C-alpha atoms as a PDB file:
ATOM      1  CA  MET A   1       0.000   0.000   0.000  1.00  0.00           C
ATOM      2  CA  GLU A   2       1.242   3.472  -0.732  1.00  0.00           C
ATOM      3  CA  HIS A   3       0.298   7.078  -0.315  1.00  0.00           C
ATOM      4  CA  VAL A   4      -1.682   8.704  -3.124  1.00  0.00           C
ATOM      5  CA  SER A   5      -0.071  11.939  -4.301  1.00  0.00           C
ATOM      6  CA  LYS A   6      -2.198  15.066  -4.591  1.00  0.00           C
ATOM      7  CA  TYR A   7       0.536  16.737  -6.638  1.00  0.00           C
ATOM      8  CA  THR A   8       1.913  16.390 -10.154  1.00  0.00           C
ATOM      9  CA  ALA A   9       5.629  16.899 -10.707  1.00  0.00           C
ATOM     10  CA  LYS A  10       6.649  19.298 -13.469  1.00  0.00           C
ATOM     11  CA  ILE A  11       8.635  17.951 -16.421  1.00  0.00           C
ATOM     12  CA  PRO A  12      12.044  19.574 -16.959  1.00  0.00           C
ATOM     13  CA  ASP A  13      12.911  20.828 -20.431  1.00  0.00           C
ATOM     14  CA  ALA A  14      15.778  19.517 -22.551  1.00  0.00           C
ATOM     15  CA  ASN A  15      18.243  21.529 -20.464  1.00  0.00           C
ATOM     16  CA  GLY A  16      16.891  20.195 -17.164  1.00  0.00           C
ATOM     17  CA  MET A  17      15.112  23.460 -16.352  1.00  0.00           C
ATOM     18  CA  VAL A  18      11.616  23.641 -14.828  1.00  0.00           C
ATOM     19  CA  ASP A  19       9.240  26.530 -15.407  1.00  0.00           C
ATOM     20  CA  PHE A  20       8.081  27.364 -11.886  1.00  0.00           C
ATOM     21  CA  THR A  21       5.392  29.985 -11.407  1.00  0.00           C
ATOM     22  CA  ALA A  22       5.824  33.205  -9.450  1.00  0.00           C
ATOM     23  CA  GLU A  23       3.632  31.750  -6.692  1.00  0.00           C
ATOM     24  CA  GLU A  24       5.713  28.576  -6.489  1.00  0.00           C
ATOM     25  CA  ASN A  25       8.890  30.634  -6.207  1.00  0.00           C
ATOM     26  CA  SER A  26       7.195  32.751  -3.540  1.00  0.00           C
ATOM     27  CA  VAL A  27       6.327  29.632  -1.521  1.00  0.00           C
ATOM     28  CA  TRP A  28       9.997  28.557  -1.694  1.00  0.00           C
ATOM     29  CA  GLN A  29      11.073  32.008  -0.534  1.00  0.00           C
ATOM     30  CA  ASP A  30       8.723  31.920   2.439  1.00  0.00           C
ATOM     31  CA  LEU A  31       9.813  28.405   3.421  1.00  0.00           C
ATOM     32  CA  ILE A  32      13.564  28.942   3.219  1.00  0.00           C
ATOM     33  CA  THR A  33      13.481  32.419   4.759  1.00  0.00           C
ATOM     34  CA  ARG A  34      11.814  31.195   7.923  1.00  0.00           C
ATOM     35  CA  GLN A  35      13.744  27.912   8.099  1.00  0.00           C
ATOM     36  CA  ILE A  36      17.325  29.190   7.775  1.00  0.00           C
ATOM     37  CA  PRO A  37      17.550  30.848  11.224  1.00  0.00           C
ATOM     38  CA  ILE A  38      15.977  27.783  12.864  1.00  0.00           C
ATOM     39  CA  VAL A  39      18.391  25.254  11.344  1.00  0.00           C
ATOM     40  CA  GLU A  40      21.386  27.502  11.961  1.00  0.00           C
ATOM     41  CA  ARG A  41      20.702  27.000  15.645  1.00  0.00           C
ATOM     42  CA  LEU A  42      19.532  23.382  15.707  1.00  0.00           C
ATOM     43  CA  ALA A  43      21.120  21.478  12.785  1.00  0.00           C
ATOM     44  CA  CYS A  44      24.426  19.614  12.909  1.00  0.00           C
ATOM     45  CA  ASP A  45      27.514  21.423  11.608  1.00  0.00           C
ATOM     46  CA  GLU A  46      27.726  19.143   8.554  1.00  0.00           C
ATOM     47  CA  PHE A  47      24.287  20.285   7.433  1.00  0.00           C
ATOM     48  CA  ILE A  48      25.136  23.962   7.928  1.00  0.00           C
ATOM     49  CA  GLU A  49      28.354  23.518   5.955  1.00  0.00           C
ATOM     50  CA  GLY A  50      26.338  21.831   3.198  1.00  0.00           C
ATOM     51  CA  LEU A  51      23.973  24.786   3.042  1.00  0.00           C
ATOM     52  CA  LYS A  52      26.965  27.072   2.543  1.00  0.00           C
ATOM     53  CA  ILE A  53      28.324  24.883  -0.258  1.00  0.00           C
ATOM     54  CA  LEU A  54      24.976  24.701  -2.076  1.00  0.00           C
ATOM     55  CA  ASP A  55      24.222  28.399  -1.547  1.00  0.00           C
ATOM     56  CA  LEU A  56      20.540  27.847  -2.300  1.00  0.00           C
ATOM     57  CA  PRO A  57      18.753  30.910  -3.715  1.00  0.00           C
ATOM     58  CA  MET A  58      16.366  32.601  -1.311  1.00  0.00           C
ATOM     59  CA  ASP A  59      13.978  34.137  -3.853  1.00  0.00           C
ATOM     60  CA  ARG A  60      13.290  31.195  -6.183  1.00  0.00           C
ATOM     61  CA  ILE A  61      13.354  27.417  -6.429  1.00  0.00           C
ATOM     62  CA  PRO A  62      16.851  26.298  -7.468  1.00  0.00           C
ATOM     63  CA  GLN A  63      17.165  24.516 -10.787  1.00  0.00           C
ATOM     64  CA  CYS A  64      18.502  20.966 -10.901  1.00  0.00           C
ATOM     65  CA  PRO A  65      21.559  21.698 -13.117  1.00  0.00           C
ATOM     66  CA  GLU A  66      22.891  24.407 -10.786  1.00  0.00           C
ATOM     67  CA  LEU A  67      22.431  22.152  -7.755  1.00  0.00           C
ATOM     68  CA  ASN A  68      24.106  19.238  -9.524  1.00  0.00           C
ATOM     69  CA  GLU A  69      27.177  21.286 -10.364  1.00  0.00           C
ATOM     70  CA  LYS A  70      27.817  21.900  -6.667  1.00  0.00           C
ATOM     71  CA  LEU A  71      26.914  18.391  -5.515  1.00  0.00           C
ATOM     72  CA  GLY A  72      29.106  16.908  -8.226  1.00  0.00           C
ATOM     73  CA  GLN A  73      32.092  18.967  -7.173  1.00  0.00           C
ATOM     74  CA  ALA A  74      31.616  18.036  -3.515  1.00  0.00           C
ATOM     75  CA  THR A  75      30.924  14.288  -3.614  1.00  0.00           C
ATOM     76  CA  GLY A  76      30.003  13.229  -7.148  1.00  0.00           C
ATOM     77  CA  TRP A  77      26.283  13.111  -6.349  1.00  0.00           C
ATOM     78  CA  ALA A  78      23.426  14.558  -8.379  1.00  0.00           C
ATOM     79  CA  VAL A  79      19.714  15.196  -8.059  1.00  0.00           C
ATOM     80  CA  GLU A  80      17.417  13.219 -10.360  1.00  0.00           C
ATOM     81  CA  PRO A  81      14.021  14.800 -11.200  1.00  0.00           C
ATOM     82  CA  VAL A  82      11.257  12.212 -10.725  1.00  0.00           C
ATOM     83  CA  PRO A  83       7.439  12.037 -10.644  1.00  0.00           C
ATOM     84  CA  ALA A  84       5.684  12.605  -7.315  1.00  0.00           C
ATOM     85  CA  LEU A  85       5.785   8.852  -6.594  1.00  0.00           C
ATOM     86  CA  ILE A  86       8.297   6.292  -7.876  1.00  0.00           C
ATOM     87  CA  PRO A  87       8.698   2.522  -7.334  1.00  0.00           C
ATOM     88  CA  VAL A  88      10.945   1.603  -4.416  1.00  0.00           C
ATOM     89  CA  GLU A  89      13.329  -0.317  -6.680  1.00  0.00           C
ATOM     90  CA  GLN A  90      13.887   2.801  -8.782  1.00  0.00           C
ATOM     91  CA  PHE A  91      14.494   4.786  -5.585  1.00  0.00           C
ATOM     92  CA  PHE A  92      17.155   2.362  -4.362  1.00  0.00           C
ATOM     93  CA  GLU A  93      18.776   2.135  -7.800  1.00  0.00           C
ATOM     94  CA  LEU A  94      19.109   5.909  -7.958  1.00  0.00           C
ATOM     95  CA  LEU A  95      20.762   6.037  -4.532  1.00  0.00           C
ATOM     96  CA  ALA A  96      23.143   3.232  -5.478  1.00  0.00           C
ATOM     97  CA  ASN A  97      24.197   5.324  -8.482  1.00  0.00           C
ATOM     98  CA  LYS A  98      24.716   8.480  -6.404  1.00  0.00           C
ATOM     99  CA  LYS A  99      21.528  10.150  -7.577  1.00  0.00           C
ATOM    100  CA  PHE A 100      18.996  11.571  -5.156  1.00  0.00           C
ATOM    101  CA  PRO A 101      15.384  11.484  -6.425  1.00  0.00           C
ATOM    102  CA  ALA A 102      13.474  14.748  -6.116  1.00  0.00           C
ATOM    103  CA  ALA A 103       9.940  15.369  -7.329  1.00  0.00           C
ATOM    104  CA  THR A 104       9.675  18.704  -9.138  1.00  0.00           C
ATOM    105  CA  PHE A 105       6.688  20.169  -7.337  1.00  0.00           C
ATOM    106  CA  ILE A 106       6.385  22.416  -4.305  1.00  0.00           C
ATOM    107  CA  ARG A 107       3.657  22.410  -1.682  1.00  0.00           C
ATOM    108  CA  ARG A 108       0.676  24.728  -1.901  1.00  0.00           C
ATOM    109  CA  ARG A 109       0.536  27.692   0.404  1.00  0.00           C
ATOM    110  CA  GLU A 110      -2.305  26.158   2.434  1.00  0.00           C
ATOM    111  CA  GLU A 111       0.076  23.260   3.258  1.00  0.00           C
ATOM    112  CA  LEU A 112       3.057  25.466   4.052  1.00  0.00           C
ATOM    113  CA  ASP A 113       3.549  24.049   7.555  1.00  0.00           C
ATOM    114  CA  TYR A 114       2.947  20.381   6.863  1.00  0.00           C
ATOM    115  CA  LEU A 115       2.945  18.073   3.852  1.00  0.00           C
ATOM    116  CA  GLN A 116       2.676  14.281   3.981  1.00  0.00           C
ATOM    117  CA  GLU A 117       4.734  13.722   0.822  1.00  0.00           C
ATOM    118  CA  PRO A 118       8.216  14.960  -0.053  1.00  0.00           C
ATOM    119  CA  ASP A 119       8.203  18.093  -2.207  1.00  0.00           C
ATOM    120  CA  ILE A 120      11.156  19.910  -3.744  1.00  0.00           C
ATOM    121  CA  PHE A 121      11.727  21.997  -0.617  1.00  0.00           C
ATOM    122  CA  HIS A 122      11.950  18.858   1.510  1.00  0.00           C
ATOM    123  CA  GLU A 123      14.373  17.228  -0.940  1.00  0.00           C
ATOM    124  CA  TYR A 124      16.555  20.199  -1.876  1.00  0.00           C
ATOM    125  CA  PHE A 125      16.673  21.923   1.506  1.00  0.00           C
ATOM    126  CA  GLY A 126      16.163  18.964   3.861  1.00  0.00           C
ATOM    127  CA  HIS A 127      18.365  16.354   2.188  1.00  0.00           C
ATOM    128  CA  CYS A 128      20.783  17.804  -0.361  1.00  0.00           C
ATOM    129  CA  PRO A 129      23.029  19.781   2.032  1.00  0.00           C
ATOM    130  CA  LEU A 130      24.274  16.575   3.687  1.00  0.00           C
ATOM    131  CA  LEU A 131      25.006  15.008   0.300  1.00  0.00           C
ATOM    132  CA  THR A 132      27.970  17.411   0.163  1.00  0.00           C
ATOM    133  CA  ASN A 133      29.454  15.518   3.139  1.00  0.00           C
ATOM    134  CA  GLN A 134      31.494  12.528   1.987  1.00  0.00           C
ATOM    135  CA  ALA A 135      30.789  10.282   4.987  1.00  0.00           C
ATOM    136  CA  TYR A 136      27.040  10.838   4.707  1.00  0.00           C
ATOM    137  CA  ALA A 137      27.082  10.497   0.912  1.00  0.00           C
ATOM    138  CA  ASP A 138      28.951   7.182   1.190  1.00  0.00           C
ATOM    139  CA  PHE A 139      26.321   5.900   3.597  1.00  0.00           C
ATOM    140  CA  ALA A 140      23.481   6.948   1.269  1.00  0.00           C
ATOM    141  CA  GLN A 141      25.060   5.132  -1.663  1.00  0.00           C
ATOM    142  CA  ALA A 142      25.750   2.024   0.425  1.00  0.00           C
ATOM    143  CA  TYR A 143      22.146   2.058   1.622  1.00  0.00           C
ATOM    144  CA  GLY A 144      20.923   1.990  -1.974  1.00  0.00           C
ATOM    145  CA  GLU A 145      23.277  -0.859  -2.876  1.00  0.00           C
ATOM    146  CA  VAL A 146      22.224  -2.935   0.133  1.00  0.00           C
ATOM    147  CA  ALA A 147      18.513  -2.315  -0.476  1.00  0.00           C
ATOM    148  CA  LEU A 148      18.790  -3.415  -4.109  1.00  0.00           C
ATOM    149  CA  ASN A 149      19.980  -6.821  -2.902  1.00  0.00           C
ATOM    150  CA  ALA A 150      17.204  -7.215  -0.316  1.00  0.00           C
ATOM    151  CA  ASP A 151      13.946  -9.111  -0.666  1.00  0.00           C
ATOM    152  CA  LYS A 152      10.588  -7.378  -0.240  1.00  0.00           C
ATOM    153  CA  GLU A 153      10.319  -8.042   3.502  1.00  0.00           C
ATOM    154  CA  ASP A 154      13.852  -6.888   4.230  1.00  0.00           C
ATOM    155  CA  ARG A 155      13.298  -3.770   2.114  1.00  0.00           C
ATOM    156  CA  GLN A 156      10.389  -2.847   4.336  1.00  0.00           C
ATOM    157  CA  ALA A 157      12.686  -3.133   7.343  1.00  0.00           C
ATOM    158  CA  LEU A 158      15.328  -1.034   5.600  1.00  0.00           C
ATOM    159  CA  GLY A 159      12.631   1.540   4.927  1.00  0.00           C
ATOM    160  CA  ARG A 160      12.049   1.778   8.654  1.00  0.00           C
ATOM    161  CA  LEU A 161      15.771   2.264   9.227  1.00  0.00           C
ATOM    162  CA  TYR A 162      15.767   5.005   6.587  1.00  0.00           C
ATOM    163  CA  TRP A 163      12.898   6.706   8.401  1.00  0.00           C
ATOM    164  CA  PHE A 164      14.718   6.860  11.732  1.00  0.00           C
ATOM    165  CA  THR A 165      18.027   7.987  10.206  1.00  0.00           C
ATOM    166  CA  VAL A 166      17.871   9.840   6.889  1.00  0.00           C
ATOM    167  CA  GLU A 167      14.454  11.340   7.575  1.00  0.00           C
ATOM    168  CA  PHE A 168      14.221  11.736  11.363  1.00  0.00           C
ATOM    169  CA  GLY A 169      17.687  11.201  12.804  1.00  0.00           C
ATOM    170  CA  LEU A 170      19.373  13.141  15.604  1.00  0.00           C
ATOM    171  CA  MET A 171      23.093  13.439  16.353  1.00  0.00           C
ATOM    172  CA  ASN A 172      25.144  13.923  19.503  1.00  0.00           C
ATOM    173  CA  THR A 173      27.702  16.661  18.821  1.00  0.00           C
ATOM    174  CA  PRO A 174      30.208  18.701  20.869  1.00  0.00           C
ATOM    175  CA  LYS A 175      27.594  21.472  20.726  1.00  0.00           C
ATOM    176  CA  GLY A 176      24.851  19.229  22.090  1.00  0.00           C
ATOM    177  CA  LEU A 177      21.994  17.360  20.461  1.00  0.00           C
ATOM    178  CA  LYS A 178      21.391  18.421  16.843  1.00  0.00           C
ATOM    179  CA  ASN A 179      19.155  17.459  13.918  1.00  0.00           C
ATOM    180  CA  TYR A 180      20.385  15.797  10.741  1.00  0.00           C
ATOM    181  CA  GLY A 181      17.242  14.108   9.366  1.00  0.00           C
ATOM    182  CA  GLY A 182      15.764  15.751   6.282  1.00  0.00           C
ATOM    183  CA  GLY A 183      12.201  15.203   7.443  1.00  0.00           C
ATOM    184  CA  ILE A 184      12.987  17.210  10.551  1.00  0.00           C
ATOM    185  CA  LEU A 185      15.067  19.942   8.952  1.00  0.00           C
ATOM    186  CA  SER A 186      12.450  20.806   6.327  1.00  0.00           C
ATOM    187  CA  SER A 187       9.804  21.216   9.055  1.00  0.00           C
ATOM    188  CA  LYS A 188       9.618  24.448  11.053  1.00  0.00           C
ATOM    189  CA  ASP A 189       7.906  22.904  14.067  1.00  0.00           C
ATOM    190  CA  GLU A 190       9.707  19.566  14.186  1.00  0.00           C
ATOM    191  CA  THR A 191      13.191  21.099  13.904  1.00  0.00           C
ATOM    192  CA  ILE A 192      12.532  22.770  17.242  1.00  0.00           C
ATOM    193  CA  TYR A 193      10.493  19.960  18.811  1.00  0.00           C
ATOM    194  CA  ALA A 194      12.929  17.126  18.041  1.00  0.00           C
ATOM    195  CA  VAL A 195      15.814  18.752  19.905  1.00  0.00           C
ATOM    196  CA  GLU A 196      14.245  21.036  22.511  1.00  0.00           C
ATOM    197  CA  SER A 197      10.984  19.407  23.633  1.00  0.00           C
ATOM    198  CA  ASP A 198      10.851  17.201  26.735  1.00  0.00           C
ATOM    199  CA  THR A 199       8.029  15.140  25.179  1.00  0.00           C
ATOM    200  CA  PRO A 200       9.632  12.732  22.666  1.00  0.00           C
ATOM    201  CA  ILE A 201      11.595   9.595  23.490  1.00  0.00           C
ATOM    202  CA  ARG A 202      15.215   9.770  22.339  1.00  0.00           C
ATOM    203  CA  LYS A 203      17.282   6.575  22.162  1.00  0.00           C
ATOM    204  CA  PRO A 204      20.783   5.758  20.911  1.00  0.00           C
ATOM    205  CA  LEU A 205      20.624   4.138  17.474  1.00  0.00           C
ATOM    206  CA  GLY A 206      23.396   1.635  18.212  1.00  0.00           C
ATOM    207  CA  ARG A 207      23.199  -1.208  15.698  1.00  0.00           C
ATOM    208  CA  GLY A 208      19.663  -0.177  14.735  1.00  0.00           C
ATOM    209  CA  LEU A 209      17.923  -3.086  16.493  1.00  0.00           C
ATOM    210  CA  ASP A 210      15.439  -0.978  18.452  1.00  0.00           C
ATOM    211  CA  ALA A 211      14.764   1.307  15.493  1.00  0.00           C
ATOM    212  CA  LEU A 212      13.882  -1.724  13.386  1.00  0.00           C
ATOM    213  CA  ARG A 213      11.327  -2.711  16.031  1.00  0.00           C
ATOM    214  CA  THR A 214       9.751   0.743  16.360  1.00  0.00           C
ATOM    215  CA  PRO A 215       6.498   1.469  14.489  1.00  0.00           C
ATOM    216  CA  TYR A 216       5.992   4.954  13.090  1.00  0.00           C
ATOM    217  CA  ARG A 217       3.381   7.145  11.457  1.00  0.00           C
ATOM    218  CA  VAL A 218       4.103   9.449   8.541  1.00  0.00           C
ATOM    219  CA  ASP A 219       1.465  12.074   9.345  1.00  0.00           C
ATOM    220  CA  ILE A 220       2.472  13.211  12.852  1.00  0.00           C
ATOM    221  CA  ILE A 221       5.391  14.804  14.636  1.00  0.00           C
ATOM    222  CA  GLN A 222       7.471  11.831  15.702  1.00  0.00           C
ATOM    223  CA  PRO A 223       7.161  10.494  19.271  1.00  0.00           C
ATOM    224  CA  VAL A 224      10.484   8.576  19.071  1.00  0.00           C
ATOM    225  CA  TYR A 225      13.874   9.623  17.689  1.00  0.00           C
ATOM    226  CA  TYR A 226      17.135   7.691  17.382  1.00  0.00           C
ATOM    227  CA  VAL A 227      20.485   9.367  18.005  1.00  0.00           C
ATOM    228  CA  ILE A 228      23.845   8.711  16.323  1.00  0.00           C
ATOM    229  CA  ASP A 229      27.350   9.909  17.201  1.00  0.00           C
ATOM    230  CA  ASP A 230      28.608  10.430  13.624  1.00  0.00           C
ATOM    231  CA  PHE A 231      27.917   9.437  10.028  1.00  0.00           C
ATOM    232  CA  ALA A 232      30.572   6.720  10.090  1.00  0.00           C
ATOM    233  CA  GLN A 233      28.208   4.886  12.444  1.00  0.00           C
ATOM    234  CA  LEU A 234      25.524   4.862   9.736  1.00  0.00           C
ATOM    235  CA  TYR A 235      27.898   3.478   7.107  1.00  0.00           C
ATOM    236  CA  ASP A 236      29.062   0.742   9.476  1.00  0.00           C
ATOM    237  CA  LEU A 237      25.477  -0.123  10.371  1.00  0.00           C
ATOM    238  CA  ILE A 238      24.320  -0.562   6.769  1.00  0.00           C
ATOM    239  CA  THR A 239      27.426  -2.457   5.575  1.00  0.00           C
ATOM    240  CA  ASN A 240      28.060  -4.714   8.583  1.00  0.00           C
ATOM    241  CA  ASP A 241      25.450  -7.529   8.655  1.00  0.00           C
ATOM    242  CA  VAL A 242      22.363  -5.325   8.600  1.00  0.00           C
ATOM    243  CA  PHE A 243      20.304  -8.320   7.484  1.00  0.00           C
ATOM    244  CA  GLY A 244      21.346 -10.193  10.615  1.00  0.00           C
ATOM    245  CA  THR A 245      20.084  -7.278  12.692  1.00  0.00           C
ATOM    246  CA  ILE A 246      16.840  -7.289  10.702  1.00  0.00           C
ATOM    247  CA  ARG A 247      16.365 -11.009  11.402  1.00  0.00           C
ATOM    248  CA  LYS A 248      16.947 -10.468  15.117  1.00  0.00           C
ATOM    249  CA  ALA A 249      14.468  -7.587  15.169  1.00  0.00           C
ATOM    250  CA  ARG A 250      11.891  -9.754  13.435  1.00  0.00           C
ATOM    251  CA  GLU A 251      12.395 -12.519  16.009  1.00  0.00           C
ATOM    252  CA  LEU A 252      11.979 -10.097  18.924  1.00  0.00           C
ATOM    253  CA  GLY A 253       8.881  -8.445  17.436  1.00  0.00           C
ATOM    254  CA  GLU A 254       7.714  -4.852  17.338  1.00  0.00           C
ATOM    255  CA  PHE A 255       7.423  -2.478  20.255  1.00  0.00           C
ATOM    256  CA  ALA A 256       3.993  -1.168  21.134  1.00  0.00           C
ATOM    257  CA  PRO A 257       3.326   2.018  19.117  1.00  0.00           C
ATOM    258  CA  ASN A 258       3.604   5.412  20.839  1.00  0.00           C
ATOM    259  CA  PHE A 259       0.718   6.857  18.826  1.00  0.00           C
ATOM    260  CA  GLU A 260      -2.915   6.353  17.884  1.00  0.00           C
ATOM    261  CA  PRO A 261      -3.768   4.440  14.669  1.00  0.00           C
ATOM    262  CA  MET A 262      -4.129   6.440  11.485  1.00  0.00           C
ATOM    263  CA  GLY A 263      -7.544   8.018  11.016  1.00  0.00           C
ATOM    264  CA  PRO A 264     -10.044   6.905   8.359  1.00  0.00           C
ATOM    265  CA  ASN A 265      -9.234   9.886   6.099  1.00  0.00           C
ATOM    266  CA  PHE A 266      -5.622   8.862   5.534  1.00  0.00           C
ATOM    267  CA  GLU A 267      -5.695   8.094   1.823  1.00  0.00           C
ATOM    268  CA  LEU A 268      -3.884   4.987   0.642  1.00  0.00           C
ATOM    269  CA  LYS A 269      -4.005   2.793  -2.439  1.00  0.00           C
ATOM    270  CA  CYS A 270      -2.966  -0.799  -2.905  1.00  0.00           C
END
C-alpha cells in the first residue's frame, strides 16, 4: 500500500530546467526564509556547511543543473528529477548510483507548515546539504546498494531504518543534540520539537535493532527519535550484517506504538 499523491511533478525541459510559477517561487522564498535561522541553531555542523556549499537561492526554487554542479564537485552526487511517486526499486537504484530522487513540485501555500509527501523543498533543503558531506554520501550510496539486494520483507525493514536515520535522525555533537534528518530539517515545528521538547523519546541508534522494532506514522510529529554519534556509524550499520540485525528484530517483534492508529481519512491505495 502506498500514499496517493495530490501533486503532479513538473517535467524539466531539454536543459533540465523547470518553469516554476511566481507563486511557487514565492512559496519557496517563504519556506527557506523562515527555516534558515531555525536550522542555523539546531542542525548539525555538517548540514550547515552543506547549506553554505549549495548556496541555495532565497527568492526562487533552485534549478537541478545548478544544484548538480555543486553536488558533483563536492561528492560526485546529483539530483534526479522524478514524478511525485516512484517505485521503491527505482528509488534504491538511484541512490546506489549516487543520484537523489526529487519530485519537481512544491507544496501549496495552504500546506506550508505540513505536507505528507516529499516536495522539492523537503528534498533540496532537507536532504541535499548533507550530500555534500562525503561520509554521509557514502552511507546513502551504500544504503541503496544494500537495499537493491534485499527481498521485499527486508526492504520494508530497511525503509524503517531510513525513516529513523535519513528522515528523522538526531546526532550527539560537541555542541549538544542536533538534527540531521531531512524530514525534521524541512519542518519548522519539528526542527525545534525534536531537539528542545521534553516530550519525545530519544534513544541511541546503536546497531539499529530498536529502530527496526519501532512502528511509526508518517502524518504526525514523531514520538520517538534515534540518536547517532557520527555518520561513520551509519555506514558501518548498513554495511556490517544489517540483514542479521533485521532477522533479530523480526524474532523479537515490534514495540507497542507510541501513537494512535491512522484516522479513516488517511488516503492509501494498494
